[in-house]
Amino acid sequence: MRWDAVVIGSGIGGLACAGTLAARGRAVVVLEQAATPGGYLSSFQRRGFTFDSAVDCIAGLDSGGLLTRLLESLGVGGGLTPIRLDPIRLSRFPGLTVRVDASLPAYMDRLCRLFPAERDGIAAFFRRAGEIYADVAIMMDAVTDPSATGLPLTGALMRHGQLTYADLLRLDIRDPRLAAVLSDRCPFLGVSPMRASATRMVSLIMSYFRSGAFRPRGGHQQLPNLLVDGIRRKGGEVHLGRPATAIRLEGDRCDRVLTADGAEFLADHVVSNADLAETFGRLVGGEVGQAVLAENRGRPLSPSFFVAYAGVRREAPPPASSVGSFEDFDLDGVLGRYVPFSNADPLGITIPTVEDPALAPPGHDVCIVHELIPPGYVCEWEQEKDACLARLLENAARVCPGLTRRLVHCEAATPATLERYTRNQRGAAYGWDQIPHVARVRHGIRNLYLAGHWAETGGGVLAAAFSGMQVATRILRSGT
């Protein structure tokens, strides 16, 4: 059999691509090396606790949202129960705690009460951010409309595409404390405001206000599981625990994909949801693959994370299900001189049992703590893991009092763990660093596409899903 598309990897980019193609009647097969689908969207169970591996919350699950429309196109639209977060998160700064309301008008009103002298700047900033996100929404609509003839040209995206997030803030915001509050998601992407892409930060922030910040009831694993079900219902195949080992070329085109068990999958198109080095160093290989790697050598990777997964006894209701803690308003300085596991770190804590108590036994909470790890940070994780975990839990106890005393279960994932399960080099959380000027990887192979956070659309679940659907749209429009 010859497949319309062979998709390598079942991260959200790969599943979104395969799902879009399957919904349009194309013959598609997904090859995944892990035993479960989803990549960073995976979940796991320990002693009655369900832990999400890496993701805090996602957008696109509202009525009419990108992921909702994808699920509906596969006939599995009713299989997921999205829980919308309100507040989206709680951001703690010295002497100031800010609730990030799910309603943008409510959040703007809150900021105006906290910073009355910045009322006009707040309105101007969110007006500008809304224009940027309106262009993003138009692009996302285009990949769900089979009659669309092409992606529309953008206005605000192009005007602000070369700016850093700090550049964008300076256009309207004067108070450095307010700039810090509006930058509370920068540690989430692992870059300081003066380095972060303005349009990528705005896309992330505004997606939570326009679409909503969601977690699927039962954990994030529910989403990739449902996409796999939908792809199979539409006649596609998803093979778990079946790693691809090579992409074979005929001239300037992919001809087939080989798997570890000796099978060959003939392909009109090949889509790689895998790491760039994995795709071109191991799967394509040869002079072509090495040339692509050489051309992209030096591109900055995104940071990774050290993640603590704690099951704890509940003594008091948690303050929110997502908490960011900062010991300084100078996020450029904090992230610029950042040293992991120090007491002055920005800290991210997710407690999903606030909205979804079934993720833990009665009277208990799931508490997931994220510690940013820069790509150049050197650590012998196997030897230092326990000590790093102890320091991280001690820091997290500032936000969750008595955390260590209340532990029932605790384990950790290091960047090496994330690399082992996803094959993302150095456990990179978002592929490339989320800075301006991330160009498309050029390789010259006519029917090979990259989907996910190694593509040019950026990191985060919604951006990676969009990249996969964008690839599917290109394939559908190719007519082959």
Protein backbone atom coordinates (compact mmCIF):
# COMPACT_ATOMS: atom_id res chain seq x y z
CA MET A 1 0.00 0.00 0.00
CA ARG A 2 1.13 3.52 -0.73
CA TRP A 3 0.09 6.12 1.86
CA ASP A 4 -0.90 9.68 1.11
CA ALA A 5 1.14 10.67 4.15
CA VAL A 6 3.36 8.95 6.68
CA VAL A 7 3.62 11.00 9.89
CA ILE A 8 6.57 10.38 12.18
CA GLY A 9 5.79 11.21 15.80
CA SER A 10 2.52 11.60 17.69
CA GLY A 11 3.12 14.91 19.40
CA ILE A 12 0.27 17.36 18.93
CA GLY A 13 1.78 18.64 15.67
CA GLY A 14 1.87 15.16 14.16
CA LEU A 15 -1.59 14.20 15.40
CA ALA A 16 -3.11 17.49 14.20
CA CYS A 17 -1.60 16.93 10.75
CA ALA A 18 -2.71 13.30 10.56
CA GLY A 19 -6.16 14.16 11.92
CA THR A 20 -6.71 16.91 9.35
CA LEU A 21 -5.69 14.60 6.52
CA ALA A 22 -7.75 11.66 7.81
CA ALA A 23 -10.82 13.89 8.16
CA ARG A 24 -10.43 14.79 4.47
CA GLY A 25 -10.34 11.13 3.46
CA ARG A 26 -6.60 10.80 2.94
CA ALA A 27 -4.79 7.55 3.75
CA VAL A 28 -2.50 8.43 6.65
CA VAL A 29 -0.38 6.46 9.10
CA VAL A 30 1.34 7.71 12.26
CA LEU A 31 4.50 6.01 13.55
CA GLU A 32 5.29 6.65 17.23
CA GLN A 33 8.29 5.29 19.12
CA ALA A 34 6.66 5.59 22.58
CA ALA A 35 3.99 3.34 24.02
CA THR A 36 1.56 6.26 24.45
CA PRO A 37 0.78 9.17 22.11
CA GLY A 38 1.06 12.86 22.82
CA GLY A 39 4.69 13.71 23.52
CA TYR A 40 4.68 16.52 26.08
CA LEU A 41 0.88 16.16 26.38
CA SER A 42 1.22 12.74 28.00
CA SER A 43 0.09 11.90 31.53
CA PHE A 44 1.00 9.10 33.93
CA GLN A 45 -0.38 7.55 37.13
CA ARG A 46 1.26 6.85 40.48
CA ARG A 47 -0.46 5.65 43.69
CA GLY A 48 -3.84 7.08 42.69
CA PHE A 49 -2.42 10.39 41.38
CA THR A 50 -2.55 11.45 37.72
CA PHE A 51 0.30 13.72 36.67
CA ASP A 52 0.55 15.70 33.43
CA SER A 53 4.11 15.33 32.19
CA ALA A 54 4.84 18.86 31.04
CA VAL A 55 1.85 21.04 30.11
CA ASP A 56 0.05 23.47 32.42
CA CYS A 57 -2.96 24.47 30.29
CA ILE A 58 -3.91 24.85 26.63
CA ALA A 59 -6.11 27.03 24.45
CA GLY A 60 -8.24 25.96 21.49
CA LEU A 61 -10.80 23.81 23.32
CA ASP A 62 -13.56 26.43 23.36
CA SER A 63 -16.62 26.10 21.14
CA GLY A 64 -15.26 26.83 17.68
CA GLY A 65 -11.64 26.61 18.86
CA LEU A 66 -8.94 25.11 16.66
CA LEU A 67 -8.66 21.84 18.60
CA THR A 68 -12.43 21.56 19.03
CA ARG A 69 -12.93 21.86 15.29
CA LEU A 70 -10.27 19.23 14.68
CA LEU A 71 -11.95 16.80 17.08
CA GLU A 72 -15.35 17.47 15.49
CA SER A 73 -13.97 16.82 12.00
CA LEU A 74 -12.86 13.39 13.22
CA GLY A 75 -16.25 12.56 14.72
CA VAL A 76 -15.03 12.59 18.32
CA GLY A 77 -16.06 16.10 19.30
CA GLY A 78 -18.06 15.02 22.35
CA GLY A 79 -15.37 12.79 23.81
CA LEU A 80 -13.56 15.43 25.84
CA THR A 81 -14.66 17.52 28.82
CA PRO A 82 -12.65 20.75 28.81
CA ILE A 83 -12.30 22.56 32.15
CA ARG A 84 -11.83 26.31 31.72
CA LEU A 85 -9.56 27.92 34.29
CA ASP A 86 -10.62 31.04 36.15
CA PRO A 87 -8.33 32.50 37.24
CA ILE A 88 -5.92 31.52 34.49
CA ARG A 89 -3.17 31.86 37.06
CA LEU A 90 -2.04 33.75 40.14
CA SER A 91 1.14 35.82 39.75
CA ARG A 92 3.03 36.66 42.95
CA PHE A 93 5.53 39.51 43.06
CA PRO A 94 7.10 41.26 46.09
CA GLY A 95 4.21 43.00 47.84
CA LEU A 96 1.83 42.34 44.94
CA THR A 97 -0.28 39.33 43.99
CA VAL A 98 -2.25 39.58 40.75
CA ARG A 99 -5.14 37.34 39.76
CA VAL A 100 -5.19 36.80 35.98
CA ASP A 101 -8.92 36.67 35.29
CA ALA A 102 -10.27 34.50 32.47
CA SER A 103 -12.25 37.53 31.27
CA LEU A 104 -10.01 40.06 29.54
CA PRO A 105 -12.21 43.05 30.50
CA ALA A 106 -12.14 41.92 34.14
CA TYR A 107 -8.36 41.52 34.01
CA MET A 108 -7.89 44.93 32.41
CA ASP A 109 -10.13 46.47 35.06
CA ARG A 110 -8.08 44.78 37.77
CA LEU A 111 -4.84 46.12 36.29
CA CYS A 112 -6.31 49.62 36.05
CA ARG A 113 -7.22 49.54 39.75
CA LEU A 114 -3.70 48.38 40.63
CA PHE A 115 -1.99 50.84 38.26
CA PRO A 116 -4.41 53.77 37.81
CA ALA A 117 -1.80 55.99 36.16
CA GLU A 118 -1.43 53.36 33.41
CA ARG A 119 -5.12 53.16 32.43
CA ASP A 120 -4.55 54.55 28.91
CA GLY A 121 -1.43 52.43 28.40
CA ILE A 122 -3.26 49.27 29.46
CA ALA A 123 -6.04 49.96 26.97
CA ALA A 124 -3.53 50.71 24.21
CA PHE A 125 -1.43 47.61 24.91
CA PHE A 126 -4.38 45.22 24.80
CA ARG A 127 -5.79 46.97 21.73
CA ARG A 128 -2.46 46.34 20.00
CA ALA A 129 -2.32 42.76 21.31
CA GLY A 130 -5.87 42.18 20.10
CA GLU A 131 -4.92 43.29 16.58
CA ILE A 132 -1.99 40.89 16.55
CA TYR A 133 -4.10 38.00 17.77
CA ALA A 134 -6.86 38.79 15.26
CA ASP A 135 -4.33 38.02 12.52
CA VAL A 136 -3.36 34.81 14.31
CA ALA A 137 -7.03 33.80 14.50
CA ILE A 138 -7.48 34.43 10.77
CA MET A 139 -4.54 32.15 10.04
CA MET A 140 -5.92 29.43 12.31
CA ASP A 141 -9.33 29.68 10.62
CA ALA A 142 -7.66 29.20 7.24
CA VAL A 143 -6.32 25.74 8.10
CA THR A 144 -9.77 24.49 9.13
CA ASP A 145 -11.48 25.69 5.93
CA PRO A 146 -10.95 23.25 3.04
CA SER A 147 -12.29 25.82 0.55
CA ALA A 148 -9.71 28.46 1.48
CA THR A 149 -7.29 29.20 -1.37
CA GLY A 150 -4.38 30.27 0.78
CA LEU A 151 -3.35 31.89 4.04
CA PRO A 152 -4.21 35.59 4.14
CA LEU A 153 -1.57 38.27 4.32
CA THR A 154 -1.26 39.69 7.82
CA GLY A 155 -1.07 43.26 9.01
CA ALA A 156 -0.32 43.52 12.73
CA LEU A 157 1.76 40.34 12.72
CA MET A 158 4.03 41.74 10.04
CA ARG A 159 4.28 45.17 11.68
CA HIS A 160 5.34 43.73 15.02
CA GLY A 161 7.09 40.57 13.87
CA GLN A 162 10.62 41.90 14.39
CA LEU A 163 9.98 43.26 17.89
CA THR A 164 10.86 41.70 21.20
CA TYR A 165 8.17 41.60 23.85
CA ALA A 166 10.02 44.33 25.79
CA ASP A 167 9.93 46.50 22.64
CA LEU A 168 6.17 45.98 22.41
CA LEU A 169 5.57 46.79 26.06
CA ARG A 170 7.58 50.02 25.80
CA LEU A 171 5.17 51.33 23.17
CA ASP A 172 2.42 51.69 25.78
CA ILE A 173 3.58 50.77 29.30
CA ARG A 174 5.69 53.00 31.56
CA ASP A 175 5.53 51.41 35.02
CA PRO A 176 8.20 48.64 35.24
CA ARG A 177 6.08 46.77 37.79
CA LEU A 178 3.17 46.59 35.34
CA ALA A 179 5.56 45.51 32.58
CA ALA A 180 6.66 42.66 34.87
CA VAL A 181 3.06 41.64 35.59
CA LEU A 182 2.32 41.59 31.85
CA SER A 183 5.47 39.49 31.35
CA ASP A 184 4.54 36.78 33.86
CA ARG A 185 4.47 34.14 31.10
CA CYS A 186 8.02 34.84 29.91
CA PRO A 187 9.53 32.23 32.28
CA PHE A 188 6.95 29.82 30.82
CA LEU A 189 8.69 30.25 27.44
CA GLY A 190 12.08 30.47 29.11
CA VAL A 191 13.15 33.81 27.68
CA SER A 192 13.37 37.31 29.13
CA PRO A 193 11.06 40.06 27.81
CA MET A 194 14.00 41.70 26.04
CA ARG A 195 14.64 38.48 24.06
CA ALA A 196 11.16 36.96 23.67
CA SER A 197 9.33 37.37 20.37
CA ALA A 198 6.56 39.95 20.79
CA THR A 199 4.15 38.15 18.48
CA ARG A 200 4.73 34.75 20.09
CA MET A 201 4.24 36.11 23.60
CA VAL A 202 1.09 37.95 22.55
CA SER A 203 -0.22 34.86 20.76
CA LEU A 204 0.23 32.83 23.93
CA ILE A 205 -1.29 35.41 26.27
CA MET A 206 -4.22 36.38 24.08
CA SER A 207 -5.08 32.76 23.23
CA TYR A 208 -5.98 32.27 26.90
CA PHE A 209 -8.24 35.34 26.89
CA ARG A 210 -9.85 34.83 23.47
CA SER A 211 -10.14 31.03 23.47
CA GLY A 212 -9.73 30.21 27.14
CA ALA A 213 -7.15 28.35 29.21
CA PHE A 214 -8.24 24.72 29.52
CA ARG A 215 -7.30 21.37 30.95
CA PRO A 216 -9.13 18.22 29.76
CA ARG A 217 -10.91 16.48 32.61
CA GLY A 218 -8.81 13.44 33.51
CA GLY A 219 -5.52 14.99 32.36
CA HIS A 220 -3.95 16.20 29.14
CA GLN A 221 -3.46 12.62 27.91
CA GLN A 222 -7.17 12.61 27.06
CA LEU A 223 -6.56 14.88 24.05
CA PRO A 224 -3.98 12.79 22.15
CA ASN A 225 -5.88 9.61 23.04
CA LEU A 226 -9.04 11.07 21.49
CA LEU A 227 -7.19 12.25 18.38
CA VAL A 228 -5.78 8.76 17.89
CA ASP A 229 -9.30 7.34 18.21
CA GLY A 230 -10.60 9.84 15.65
CA ILE A 231 -7.82 9.14 13.16
CA ARG A 232 -8.50 5.43 13.38
CA ARG A 233 -12.26 5.96 12.98
CA LYS A 234 -11.57 7.79 9.73
CA GLY A 235 -9.53 4.88 8.39
CA GLY A 236 -6.08 6.09 9.37
CA GLU A 237 -3.59 4.04 11.34
CA VAL A 238 -1.59 4.94 14.45
CA HIS A 239 1.20 2.56 15.45
CA LEU A 240 2.49 3.04 19.00
CA GLY A 241 5.81 1.56 20.07
CA ARG A 242 6.86 1.39 16.42
CA PRO A 243 9.76 3.81 15.86
CA ALA A 244 10.77 4.99 12.42
CA THR A 245 14.41 4.25 11.62
CA ALA A 246 14.95 5.82 8.20
CA ILE A 247 13.45 8.05 5.54
CA ARG A 248 14.50 6.81 2.12
CA LEU A 249 14.86 9.30 -0.75
CA GLU A 250 14.49 8.95 -4.49
CA GLY A 251 16.15 12.01 -5.95
CA ASP A 252 14.72 15.08 -4.25
CA ARG A 253 11.66 13.27 -2.86
CA CYS A 254 10.88 10.93 0.01
CA ASP A 255 9.84 7.50 -1.19
CA ARG A 256 9.33 5.45 1.97
CA VAL A 257 9.78 5.26 5.73
CA LEU A 258 11.37 2.24 7.42
CA THR A 259 10.58 1.07 10.94
CA ALA A 260 12.55 -0.83 13.56
CA ASP A 261 10.67 -4.06 12.87
CA GLY A 262 11.74 -4.06 9.21
CA ALA A 263 8.50 -2.74 7.70
CA GLU A 264 8.42 -0.23 4.85
CA PHE A 265 5.72 2.42 4.42
CA LEU A 266 5.57 3.83 0.90
CA ALA A 267 4.65 7.50 1.01
CA ASP A 268 3.53 10.31 -1.29
CA HIS A 269 4.34 12.72 1.56
CA VAL A 270 6.33 12.38 4.78
CA VAL A 271 5.70 14.59 7.80
CA SER A 272 8.20 14.64 10.64
CA ASN A 273 6.98 15.70 14.07
CA ALA A 274 10.40 14.74 15.40
CA ASP A 275 13.37 16.77 16.57
CA LEU A 276 15.41 18.39 13.79
CA ALA A 277 18.57 16.40 14.59
CA GLU A 278 16.50 13.22 14.78
CA THR A 279 14.87 13.94 11.42
CA PHE A 280 17.95 14.89 9.44
CA GLY A 281 20.76 13.28 11.41
CA ARG A 282 19.27 9.83 11.92
CA LEU A 283 16.24 9.39 9.62
CA VAL A 284 17.34 11.19 6.46
CA GLY A 285 21.07 10.98 7.13
CA GLY A 286 23.67 11.02 4.40
CA GLU A 287 24.93 14.16 2.71
CA VAL A 288 21.46 15.70 2.51
CA GLY A 289 20.77 15.32 6.22
CA GLN A 290 24.22 16.46 7.27
CA ALA A 291 23.98 19.54 5.07
CA VAL A 292 20.71 20.57 6.74
CA LEU A 293 22.21 20.07 10.20
CA ALA A 294 25.28 22.09 9.25
CA GLU A 295 23.13 24.95 7.95
CA ASN A 296 21.13 25.03 11.19
CA ARG A 297 24.02 24.52 13.57
CA GLY A 298 24.08 27.36 16.06
CA ARG A 299 20.34 28.01 16.07
CA PRO A 300 19.46 28.57 19.73
CA LEU A 301 17.39 25.86 21.38
CA SER A 302 14.61 26.63 23.80
CA PRO A 303 15.20 25.86 27.47
CA SER A 304 14.09 22.66 29.12
CA PHE A 305 12.60 22.05 32.56
CA PHE A 306 13.24 20.06 35.70
CA VAL A 307 9.77 18.94 36.81
CA ALA A 308 8.75 17.70 40.25
CA TYR A 309 5.59 15.58 40.44
CA ALA A 310 4.23 15.61 43.99
CA GLY A 311 1.15 13.98 45.46
CA VAL A 312 0.35 15.76 48.72
CA ARG A 313 -2.18 15.73 51.53
CA ARG A 314 -4.43 18.77 51.41
CA GLU A 315 -4.46 20.86 54.59
CA ALA A 316 -5.94 24.03 53.09
CA PRO A 317 -7.37 24.95 49.68
CA PRO A 318 -4.58 25.93 47.23
CA PRO A 319 -4.58 29.59 46.18
CA ALA A 320 -5.11 28.73 42.50
CA SER A 321 -4.44 25.87 40.10
CA SER A 322 -1.61 27.74 38.37
CA VAL A 323 0.78 29.95 40.33
CA GLY A 324 3.78 31.95 39.17
CA SER A 325 6.10 33.23 41.87
CA PHE A 326 8.70 35.96 41.30
CA GLU A 327 11.06 37.48 43.83
CA ASP A 328 11.90 40.49 41.66
CA PHE A 329 10.05 42.74 39.20
CA ASP A 330 13.13 42.87 36.97
CA LEU A 331 12.41 39.79 34.87
CA ASP A 332 15.08 40.73 32.33
CA GLY A 333 17.64 40.72 35.13
CA VAL A 334 16.26 37.58 36.79
CA LEU A 335 16.20 35.58 33.55
CA GLY A 336 19.41 37.15 32.26
CA ARG A 337 21.47 36.02 35.27
CA TYR A 338 19.37 32.96 35.90
CA VAL A 339 20.83 30.06 37.90
CA PRO A 340 18.58 27.00 38.32
CA PHE A 341 17.53 25.97 41.84
CA SER A 342 18.63 29.24 43.45
CA ASN A 343 16.32 30.90 45.97
CA ALA A 344 15.57 33.86 43.69
CA ASP A 345 14.19 31.77 40.84
CA PRO A 346 10.91 32.40 39.12
CA LEU A 347 8.80 29.36 39.96
CA GLY A 348 5.80 27.82 38.23
CA ILE A 349 3.43 25.53 40.13
CA THR A 350 0.42 23.67 38.71
CA ILE A 351 -2.23 22.21 41.04
CA PRO A 352 -4.83 20.76 38.63
CA THR A 353 -6.87 19.14 41.41
CA VAL A 354 -8.28 22.58 42.23
CA GLU A 355 -10.65 22.14 39.27
CA ASP A 356 -10.32 18.37 38.71
CA PRO A 357 -10.19 16.66 42.14
CA ALA A 358 -10.50 13.17 40.63
CA LEU A 359 -6.82 13.40 39.62
CA ALA A 360 -5.90 12.56 43.23
CA PRO A 361 -7.29 10.43 46.06
CA PRO A 362 -9.85 12.21 48.30
CA GLY A 363 -8.25 14.84 50.53
CA HIS A 364 -5.14 15.10 48.35
CA ASP A 365 -3.73 17.32 45.61
CA VAL A 366 -1.49 16.94 42.60
CA CYS A 367 1.28 19.54 42.75
CA ILE A 368 3.62 19.90 39.76
CA VAL A 369 6.58 22.27 40.05
CA HIS A 370 8.46 23.50 36.98
CA GLU A 371 12.06 24.72 37.21
CA LEU A 372 13.47 26.38 34.10
CA ILE A 373 16.74 24.89 32.80
CA PRO A 374 18.66 26.99 30.23
CA PRO A 375 20.07 25.03 27.27
CA GLY A 376 23.67 25.70 28.29
CA TYR A 377 23.24 24.52 31.88
CA VAL A 378 25.53 21.60 32.68
CA CYS A 379 24.53 19.06 35.31
CA GLU A 380 25.13 15.37 35.92
CA TRP A 381 21.43 14.70 36.31
CA GLU A 382 21.73 11.08 37.39
CA GLN A 383 23.98 12.03 40.30
CA GLU A 384 22.38 15.40 41.16
CA LYS A 385 18.69 14.61 40.63
CA ASP A 386 17.77 13.97 44.27
CA ALA A 387 19.60 17.06 45.52
CA CYS A 388 17.98 19.22 42.83
CA LEU A 389 14.56 17.85 43.71
CA ALA A 390 15.10 18.63 47.40
CA ARG A 391 16.10 22.23 46.61
CA LEU A 392 13.15 22.68 44.27
CA LEU A 393 10.65 21.40 46.84
CA GLU A 394 12.16 23.70 49.46
CA ASN A 395 11.68 26.66 47.12
CA ALA A 396 8.13 25.56 46.24
CA ALA A 397 7.21 25.47 49.93
CA ARG A 398 7.36 29.27 49.84
CA VAL A 399 4.24 29.14 47.68
CA CYS A 400 2.71 25.95 49.10
CA PRO A 401 3.41 25.98 52.86
CA GLY A 402 4.20 22.61 54.39
CA LEU A 403 4.67 21.00 50.99
CA THR A 404 7.47 18.65 52.02
CA ARG A 405 5.67 17.64 55.22
CA ARG A 406 2.55 16.72 53.26
CA LEU A 407 4.24 14.58 50.59
CA VAL A 408 2.66 11.21 49.81
CA HIS A 409 4.50 10.60 46.55
CA CYS A 410 7.21 12.51 44.72
CA GLU A 411 9.41 11.97 41.69
CA ALA A 412 11.09 14.16 39.12
CA ALA A 413 11.86 14.45 35.42
CA THR A 414 15.11 16.09 34.31
CA PRO A 415 15.94 17.46 30.85
CA ALA A 416 17.57 14.07 30.21
CA THR A 417 14.26 12.38 31.08
CA LEU A 418 12.36 14.63 28.66
CA GLU A 419 14.93 13.94 25.96
CA ARG A 420 14.66 10.19 26.49
CA TYR A 421 10.87 10.14 26.14
CA THR A 422 10.48 12.68 23.34
CA ARG A 423 13.90 12.60 21.64
CA ASN A 424 13.92 16.40 21.69
CA GLN A 425 17.60 17.34 21.95
CA ARG A 426 18.51 18.41 25.49
CA GLY A 427 14.84 18.06 26.42
CA ALA A 428 14.01 21.32 24.62
CA ALA A 429 10.52 22.33 25.69
CA TYR A 430 9.60 24.43 22.63
CA GLY A 431 12.02 23.40 19.92
CA TRP A 432 13.77 26.61 18.93
CA ASP A 433 14.21 29.50 21.33
CA GLN A 434 11.10 31.69 21.23
CA ILE A 435 12.79 34.81 19.90
CA PRO A 436 12.10 36.90 16.76
CA HIS A 437 13.44 35.82 13.36
CA VAL A 438 12.80 32.05 13.56
CA ALA A 439 12.95 31.11 9.87
CA ARG A 440 11.72 27.96 8.23
CA VAL A 441 14.21 25.10 7.98
CA ARG A 442 15.21 24.69 4.35
CA HIS A 443 16.09 21.20 3.15
CA GLY A 444 15.21 20.87 -0.54
CA ILE A 445 13.23 17.62 -0.17
CA ARG A 446 10.02 18.35 -2.05
CA ASN A 447 7.57 16.15 -0.13
CA LEU A 448 9.09 16.26 3.37
CA TYR A 449 7.44 18.57 5.91
CA LEU A 450 8.20 19.51 9.51
CA ALA A 451 5.33 19.82 11.98
CA GLY A 452 5.35 20.83 15.62
CA HIS A 453 7.60 23.16 17.54
CA TRP A 454 10.60 22.61 15.24
CA ALA A 455 8.59 24.31 12.49
CA GLU A 456 8.51 28.07 12.09
CA THR A 457 5.20 28.67 13.89
CA GLY A 458 6.72 28.41 17.36
CA GLY A 459 6.24 26.51 20.62
CA GLY A 460 3.26 25.75 22.78
CA VAL A 461 0.42 23.30 22.19
CA LEU A 462 -1.82 25.51 20.08
CA ALA A 463 1.05 26.76 17.89
CA ALA A 464 2.32 23.20 17.37
CA ALA A 465 -1.19 21.97 16.49
CA PHE A 466 -1.58 24.84 14.03
CA SER A 467 1.75 23.94 12.41
CA GLY A 468 0.56 20.38 11.82
CA MET A 469 -2.74 21.53 10.35
CA GLN A 470 -0.88 24.03 8.18
CA VAL A 471 1.25 21.19 6.79
CA ALA A 472 -1.88 19.14 6.12
CA THR A 473 -3.34 22.10 4.22
CA ARG A 474 -0.21 22.29 2.05
CA ILE A 475 -0.47 18.59 1.29
CA LEU A 476 -4.17 18.83 0.46
CA ARG A 477 -3.52 21.75 -1.87
CA SER A 478 -0.66 19.96 -3.59
CA GLY A 479 -3.17 17.67 -5.28
CA THR A 480 -1.05 14.54 -4.75
